[in-house]
Amino acid sequence: MFIQTERTPNPDTLKFIPGETIMPSGTADFGSVGEAGASQLAQRLFKIEGVTRVFLGPDFISVTKDAGEEWDFLKARILAAIMEHLSIGMPIIDPDYAVSKKASGGTSDLDNAIIAQIEELLETRVRPAVQSDGGDIVFDRFEDGIVFLRMRGACAGCPSSTATLKVGIENMLRHYVPEVLEVRQADDL
């Protein structure tokens, strides 16, 4: 098995591409071993000292390290863990795992139409580019003209994520959806 690696715009995150499907649908983002109960692979990666985040994309795994660690040491251990996990055929994620979506209760038909437009643009124009960098972007909510998004994987904590939100995504959304006034990163609670 050959696993490619790619750098991401976030110097603390590497993208591992094993050449097979990782998530048949959706993505999964784990910020700690405690959150990784649905993924044996993520749990295995968190056992490696210095791993701080694991993101599972459609055909890649992004691993974020502690800023004090060096990739030269961690990369080989991460590659070995991924290779071992995949070669013995263990499941990557619990089949019952579902990404929860926030309910949009109390929104008007106009707001629902705007949200649908925003989500379509994010899905078709933004997510493919962001996922190619080892991350993901998830719609959180639309309130008073402000779109709140969550950055995942390599994008979480990336030095260029603010520029991506403000320059790239905000300008595009404001162009196609005049009701959008601003784009902000949603606070993780």
C-alpha atoms as a PDB file:
ATOM      1  CA  MET A   1       0.000   0.000   0.000  1.00  0.00           C
ATOM      2  CA  PHE A   2       1.313   3.423  -0.950  1.00  0.00           C
ATOM      3  CA  ILE A   3       0.060   6.470   0.940  1.00  0.00           C
ATOM      4  CA  GLN A   4       0.817   9.882  -0.516  1.00  0.00           C
ATOM      5  CA  THR A   5       1.279  12.912   1.699  1.00  0.00           C
ATOM      6  CA  GLU A   6       0.682  16.532   0.839  1.00  0.00           C
ATOM      7  CA  ARG A   7       1.437  19.703   2.699  1.00  0.00           C
ATOM      8  CA  THR A   8      -1.487  21.955   3.471  1.00  0.00           C
ATOM      9  CA  PRO A   9      -1.605  25.730   3.931  1.00  0.00           C
ATOM     10  CA  ASN A  10      -1.556  24.988   7.676  1.00  0.00           C
ATOM     11  CA  PRO A  11       2.052  24.101   8.574  1.00  0.00           C
ATOM     12  CA  ASP A  12       0.828  21.970  11.504  1.00  0.00           C
ATOM     13  CA  THR A  13      -1.386  19.765   9.315  1.00  0.00           C
ATOM     14  CA  LEU A  14      -0.454  17.113   6.758  1.00  0.00           C
ATOM     15  CA  LYS A  15      -2.834  15.434   4.346  1.00  0.00           C
ATOM     16  CA  PHE A  16      -2.496  11.644   3.947  1.00  0.00           C
ATOM     17  CA  ILE A  17      -3.985  10.148   0.759  1.00  0.00           C
ATOM     18  CA  PRO A  18      -4.201   6.335   0.830  1.00  0.00           C
ATOM     19  CA  GLY A  19      -5.843   5.947  -2.582  1.00  0.00           C
ATOM     20  CA  GLU A  20      -9.138   4.609  -1.265  1.00  0.00           C
ATOM     21  CA  THR A  21     -12.404   5.913   0.119  1.00  0.00           C
ATOM     22  CA  ILE A  22     -12.161   7.123   3.693  1.00  0.00           C
ATOM     23  CA  MET A  23     -15.640   8.617   4.210  1.00  0.00           C
ATOM     24  CA  PRO A  24     -18.316   7.374   1.779  1.00  0.00           C
ATOM     25  CA  SER A  25     -20.335  10.504   2.563  1.00  0.00           C
ATOM     26  CA  GLY A  26     -19.703  13.591   4.636  1.00  0.00           C
ATOM     27  CA  THR A  27     -16.634  14.248   6.738  1.00  0.00           C
ATOM     28  CA  ALA A  28     -15.647  13.758  10.369  1.00  0.00           C
ATOM     29  CA  ASP A  29     -13.544  16.056  12.523  1.00  0.00           C
ATOM     30  CA  PHE A  30     -12.122  14.919  15.863  1.00  0.00           C
ATOM     31  CA  GLY A  31     -10.352  17.335  18.200  1.00  0.00           C
ATOM     32  CA  SER A  32      -9.431  14.769  20.845  1.00  0.00           C
ATOM     33  CA  VAL A  33      -9.367  11.059  21.570  1.00  0.00           C
ATOM     34  CA  GLY A  34     -12.541  11.585  23.625  1.00  0.00           C
ATOM     35  CA  GLU A  35     -14.393  12.806  20.530  1.00  0.00           C
ATOM     36  CA  ALA A  36     -13.069   9.978  18.350  1.00  0.00           C
ATOM     37  CA  GLY A  37     -15.261   7.179  19.701  1.00  0.00           C
ATOM     38  CA  ALA A  38     -16.869   6.653  16.302  1.00  0.00           C
ATOM     39  CA  SER A  39     -13.541   6.063  14.533  1.00  0.00           C
ATOM     40  CA  GLN A  40     -11.047   3.364  15.433  1.00  0.00           C
ATOM     41  CA  LEU A  41      -8.602   4.931  12.987  1.00  0.00           C
ATOM     42  CA  ALA A  42      -8.809   8.346  14.673  1.00  0.00           C
ATOM     43  CA  GLN A  43      -8.389   6.695  18.080  1.00  0.00           C
ATOM     44  CA  ARG A  44      -5.285   4.910  16.800  1.00  0.00           C
ATOM     45  CA  LEU A  45      -3.823   8.182  15.487  1.00  0.00           C
ATOM     46  CA  PHE A  46      -4.475  10.006  18.766  1.00  0.00           C
ATOM     47  CA  LYS A  47      -2.300   7.402  20.531  1.00  0.00           C
ATOM     48  CA  ILE A  48       0.666   8.956  18.716  1.00  0.00           C
ATOM     49  CA  GLU A  49       2.123  11.624  20.976  1.00  0.00           C
ATOM     50  CA  GLY A  50       1.855  15.039  19.338  1.00  0.00           C
ATOM     51  CA  VAL A  51      -1.316  14.387  17.286  1.00  0.00           C
ATOM     52  CA  THR A  52      -3.934  17.009  18.219  1.00  0.00           C
ATOM     53  CA  ARG A  53      -6.642  16.680  15.534  1.00  0.00           C
ATOM     54  CA  VAL A  54      -7.800  14.094  13.004  1.00  0.00           C
ATOM     55  CA  PHE A  55     -10.038  14.976  10.075  1.00  0.00           C
ATOM     56  CA  LEU A  56     -11.513  12.311   7.795  1.00  0.00           C
ATOM     57  CA  GLY A  57     -12.381  13.495   4.289  1.00  0.00           C
ATOM     58  CA  PRO A  58     -13.828  11.655   1.299  1.00  0.00           C
ATOM     59  CA  ASP A  59     -10.479  10.187   0.207  1.00  0.00           C
ATOM     60  CA  PHE A  60      -7.953  11.619   2.649  1.00  0.00           C
ATOM     61  CA  ILE A  61      -7.001  11.931   6.299  1.00  0.00           C
ATOM     62  CA  SER A  62      -5.680  15.246   7.632  1.00  0.00           C
ATOM     63  CA  VAL A  63      -3.648  15.049  10.806  1.00  0.00           C
ATOM     64  CA  THR A  64      -2.754  18.109  12.868  1.00  0.00           C
ATOM     65  CA  LYS A  65       0.212  18.067  15.187  1.00  0.00           C
ATOM     66  CA  ASP A  66       1.146  20.055  18.243  1.00  0.00           C
ATOM     67  CA  ALA A  67       3.143  23.134  17.184  1.00  0.00           C
ATOM     68  CA  GLY A  68       6.138  21.925  19.212  1.00  0.00           C
ATOM     69  CA  GLU A  69       6.439  18.607  17.347  1.00  0.00           C
ATOM     70  CA  GLU A  70       8.396  17.960  14.143  1.00  0.00           C
ATOM     71  CA  TRP A  71       6.913  16.252  11.078  1.00  0.00           C
ATOM     72  CA  ASP A  72      10.142  14.333  10.493  1.00  0.00           C
ATOM     73  CA  PHE A  73       9.431  12.275  13.603  1.00  0.00           C
ATOM     74  CA  LEU A  74       5.616  12.072  13.422  1.00  0.00           C
ATOM     75  CA  LYS A  75       5.060  11.429   9.724  1.00  0.00           C
ATOM     76  CA  ALA A  76       6.501   7.889   9.718  1.00  0.00           C
ATOM     77  CA  ARG A  77       4.504   6.892  12.802  1.00  0.00           C
ATOM     78  CA  ILE A  78       1.262   8.279  11.313  1.00  0.00           C
ATOM     79  CA  LEU A  79       1.887   6.538   7.976  1.00  0.00           C
ATOM     80  CA  ALA A  80       2.508   3.241   9.771  1.00  0.00           C
ATOM     81  CA  ALA A  81      -0.683   3.575  11.841  1.00  0.00           C
ATOM     82  CA  ILE A  82      -2.825   4.375   8.789  1.00  0.00           C
ATOM     83  CA  MET A  83      -1.245   1.580   6.736  1.00  0.00           C
ATOM     84  CA  GLU A  84      -1.704  -0.990   9.494  1.00  0.00           C
ATOM     85  CA  HIS A  85      -5.321   0.033  10.083  1.00  0.00           C
ATOM     86  CA  LEU A  86      -6.276  -0.083   6.406  1.00  0.00           C
ATOM     87  CA  SER A  87      -4.330  -3.257   5.568  1.00  0.00           C
ATOM     88  CA  ILE A  88      -6.138  -5.360   8.176  1.00  0.00           C
ATOM     89  CA  GLY A  89      -9.507  -4.100   6.921  1.00  0.00           C
ATOM     90  CA  MET A  90     -10.719  -2.466  10.108  1.00  0.00           C
ATOM     91  CA  PRO A  91     -13.599  -0.014   9.669  1.00  0.00           C
ATOM     92  CA  ILE A  92     -12.581   3.630   9.485  1.00  0.00           C
ATOM     93  CA  ILE A  93     -15.739   4.930  11.087  1.00  0.00           C
ATOM     94  CA  ASP A  94     -18.758   3.428  12.816  1.00  0.00           C
ATOM     95  CA  PRO A  95     -21.453   2.975  10.142  1.00  0.00           C
ATOM     96  CA  ASP A  96     -24.014   4.523  12.495  1.00  0.00           C
ATOM     97  CA  TYR A  97     -21.953   7.738  12.829  1.00  0.00           C
ATOM     98  CA  ALA A  98     -23.882  10.685  11.438  1.00  0.00           C
ATOM     99  CA  VAL A  99     -22.804  14.272  11.172  1.00  0.00           C
ATOM    100  CA  SER A 100     -25.421  16.252  13.040  1.00  0.00           C
ATOM    101  CA  LYS A 101     -26.901  19.289  11.388  1.00  0.00           C
ATOM    102  CA  LYS A 102     -28.385  22.130  13.329  1.00  0.00           C
ATOM    103  CA  ALA A 103     -32.103  22.520  12.920  1.00  0.00           C
ATOM    104  CA  SER A 104     -33.096  25.776  11.321  1.00  0.00           C
ATOM    105  CA  GLY A 105     -36.312  26.229  13.262  1.00  0.00           C
ATOM    106  CA  GLY A 106     -38.071  29.558  13.072  1.00  0.00           C
ATOM    107  CA  THR A 107     -36.667  30.625   9.705  1.00  0.00           C
ATOM    108  CA  SER A 108     -38.798  32.187   7.006  1.00  0.00           C
ATOM    109  CA  ASP A 109     -39.236  30.814   3.494  1.00  0.00           C
ATOM    110  CA  LEU A 110     -36.993  33.630   2.210  1.00  0.00           C
ATOM    111  CA  ASP A 111     -34.289  32.739   4.747  1.00  0.00           C
ATOM    112  CA  ASN A 112     -34.611  29.065   3.800  1.00  0.00           C
ATOM    113  CA  ALA A 113     -34.149  29.971   0.110  1.00  0.00           C
ATOM    114  CA  ILE A 114     -31.087  32.080   0.949  1.00  0.00           C
ATOM    115  CA  ILE A 115     -29.625  29.295   3.086  1.00  0.00           C
ATOM    116  CA  ALA A 116     -30.199  26.795   0.265  1.00  0.00           C
ATOM    117  CA  GLN A 117     -28.352  29.119  -2.140  1.00  0.00           C
ATOM    118  CA  ILE A 118     -25.456  29.574   0.304  1.00  0.00           C
ATOM    119  CA  GLU A 119     -25.164  25.830   0.933  1.00  0.00           C
ATOM    120  CA  GLU A 120     -25.232  25.088  -2.810  1.00  0.00           C
ATOM    121  CA  LEU A 121     -22.429  27.584  -3.483  1.00  0.00           C
ATOM    122  CA  LEU A 122     -20.359  26.219  -0.611  1.00  0.00           C
ATOM    123  CA  GLU A 123     -20.881  22.638  -1.796  1.00  0.00           C
ATOM    124  CA  THR A 124     -20.078  23.237  -5.464  1.00  0.00           C
ATOM    125  CA  ARG A 125     -17.525  26.059  -5.432  1.00  0.00           C
ATOM    126  CA  VAL A 126     -15.824  26.161  -2.041  1.00  0.00           C
ATOM    127  CA  ARG A 127     -15.690  22.679  -0.513  1.00  0.00           C
ATOM    128  CA  PRO A 128     -13.808  21.027  -3.414  1.00  0.00           C
ATOM    129  CA  ALA A 129     -11.005  23.597  -3.167  1.00  0.00           C
ATOM    130  CA  VAL A 130     -10.877  23.522   0.621  1.00  0.00           C
ATOM    131  CA  GLN A 131     -10.893  19.712   0.675  1.00  0.00           C
ATOM    132  CA  SER A 132      -8.017  19.650  -1.819  1.00  0.00           C
ATOM    133  CA  ASP A 133      -6.042  21.480   0.894  1.00  0.00           C
ATOM    134  CA  GLY A 134      -6.930  18.803   3.477  1.00  0.00           C
ATOM    135  CA  GLY A 135      -9.768  20.628   5.196  1.00  0.00           C
ATOM    136  CA  ASP A 136     -13.432  21.346   5.015  1.00  0.00           C
ATOM    137  CA  ILE A 137     -15.873  24.159   5.563  1.00  0.00           C
ATOM    138  CA  VAL A 138     -19.277  23.638   7.122  1.00  0.00           C
ATOM    139  CA  PHE A 139     -22.252  25.977   7.088  1.00  0.00           C
ATOM    140  CA  ASP A 140     -23.346  26.818  10.641  1.00  0.00           C
ATOM    141  CA  ARG A 141     -26.062  29.459  10.298  1.00  0.00           C
ATOM    142  CA  PHE A 142     -27.288  32.625   8.589  1.00  0.00           C
ATOM    143  CA  GLU A 143     -28.344  35.509  10.853  1.00  0.00           C
ATOM    144  CA  ASP A 144     -29.023  39.145   9.998  1.00  0.00           C
ATOM    145  CA  GLY A 145     -27.061  38.986   6.755  1.00  0.00           C
ATOM    146  CA  ILE A 146     -24.092  37.204   8.345  1.00  0.00           C
ATOM    147  CA  VAL A 147     -23.035  33.715   7.266  1.00  0.00           C
ATOM    148  CA  PHE A 148     -21.320  31.719  10.015  1.00  0.00           C
ATOM    149  CA  LEU A 149     -19.012  28.925   8.866  1.00  0.00           C
ATOM    150  CA  ARG A 150     -16.897  26.327  10.670  1.00  0.00           C
ATOM    151  CA  MET A 151     -13.432  25.493   9.432  1.00  0.00           C
ATOM    152  CA  ARG A 152     -12.411  21.850   9.805  1.00  0.00           C
ATOM    153  CA  GLY A 153      -9.316  19.712   9.261  1.00  0.00           C
ATOM    154  CA  ALA A 154      -6.298  21.580   7.902  1.00  0.00           C
ATOM    155  CA  CYS A 155      -8.364  24.779   7.786  1.00  0.00           C
ATOM    156  CA  ALA A 156      -8.975  24.844  11.543  1.00  0.00           C
ATOM    157  CA  GLY A 157      -6.295  27.071  13.003  1.00  0.00           C
ATOM    158  CA  CYS A 158      -4.661  27.709   9.636  1.00  0.00           C
ATOM    159  CA  PRO A 159      -2.986  31.114   9.387  1.00  0.00           C
ATOM    160  CA  SER A 160      -4.652  31.763   6.021  1.00  0.00           C
ATOM    161  CA  SER A 161      -8.191  30.715   7.069  1.00  0.00           C
ATOM    162  CA  THR A 162      -9.240  34.290   7.863  1.00  0.00           C
ATOM    163  CA  ALA A 163      -8.154  35.413   4.399  1.00  0.00           C
ATOM    164  CA  THR A 164      -9.989  32.442   2.868  1.00  0.00           C
ATOM    165  CA  LEU A 165     -13.192  33.431   4.688  1.00  0.00           C
ATOM    166  CA  LYS A 166     -12.988  37.172   4.113  1.00  0.00           C
ATOM    167  CA  VAL A 167     -11.430  37.524   0.683  1.00  0.00           C
ATOM    168  CA  GLY A 168     -12.505  34.369  -1.088  1.00  0.00           C
ATOM    169  CA  ILE A 169     -15.746  33.095   0.362  1.00  0.00           C
ATOM    170  CA  GLU A 170     -17.269  36.391   1.512  1.00  0.00           C
ATOM    171  CA  ASN A 171     -16.693  38.071  -1.856  1.00  0.00           C
ATOM    172  CA  MET A 172     -18.149  35.124  -3.754  1.00  0.00           C
ATOM    173  CA  LEU A 173     -21.228  34.805  -1.531  1.00  0.00           C
ATOM    174  CA  ARG A 174     -21.892  38.564  -1.611  1.00  0.00           C
ATOM    175  CA  HIS A 175     -21.673  38.473  -5.417  1.00  0.00           C
ATOM    176  CA  TYR A 176     -24.183  35.624  -5.863  1.00  0.00           C
ATOM    177  CA  VAL A 177     -26.394  36.218  -2.804  1.00  0.00           C
ATOM    178  CA  PRO A 178     -27.005  39.953  -2.264  1.00  0.00           C
ATOM    179  CA  GLU A 179     -28.571  39.293   1.151  1.00  0.00           C
ATOM    180  CA  VAL A 180     -25.147  38.194   2.455  1.00  0.00           C
ATOM    181  CA  LEU A 181     -23.386  41.108   4.125  1.00  0.00           C
ATOM    182  CA  GLU A 182     -20.525  39.327   5.849  1.00  0.00           C
ATOM    183  CA  VAL A 183     -18.929  35.933   6.508  1.00  0.00           C
ATOM    184  CA  ARG A 184     -17.563  35.014   9.938  1.00  0.00           C
ATOM    185  CA  GLN A 185     -16.064  31.960  11.536  1.00  0.00           C
ATOM    186  CA  ALA A 186     -18.521  30.366  13.952  1.00  0.00           C
ATOM    187  CA  ASP A 187     -17.290  29.993  17.491  1.00  0.00           C
ATOM    188  CA  ASP A 188     -16.954  26.401  18.635  1.00  0.00           C
ATOM    189  CA  LEU A 189     -18.897  26.092  21.881  1.00  0.00           C
END
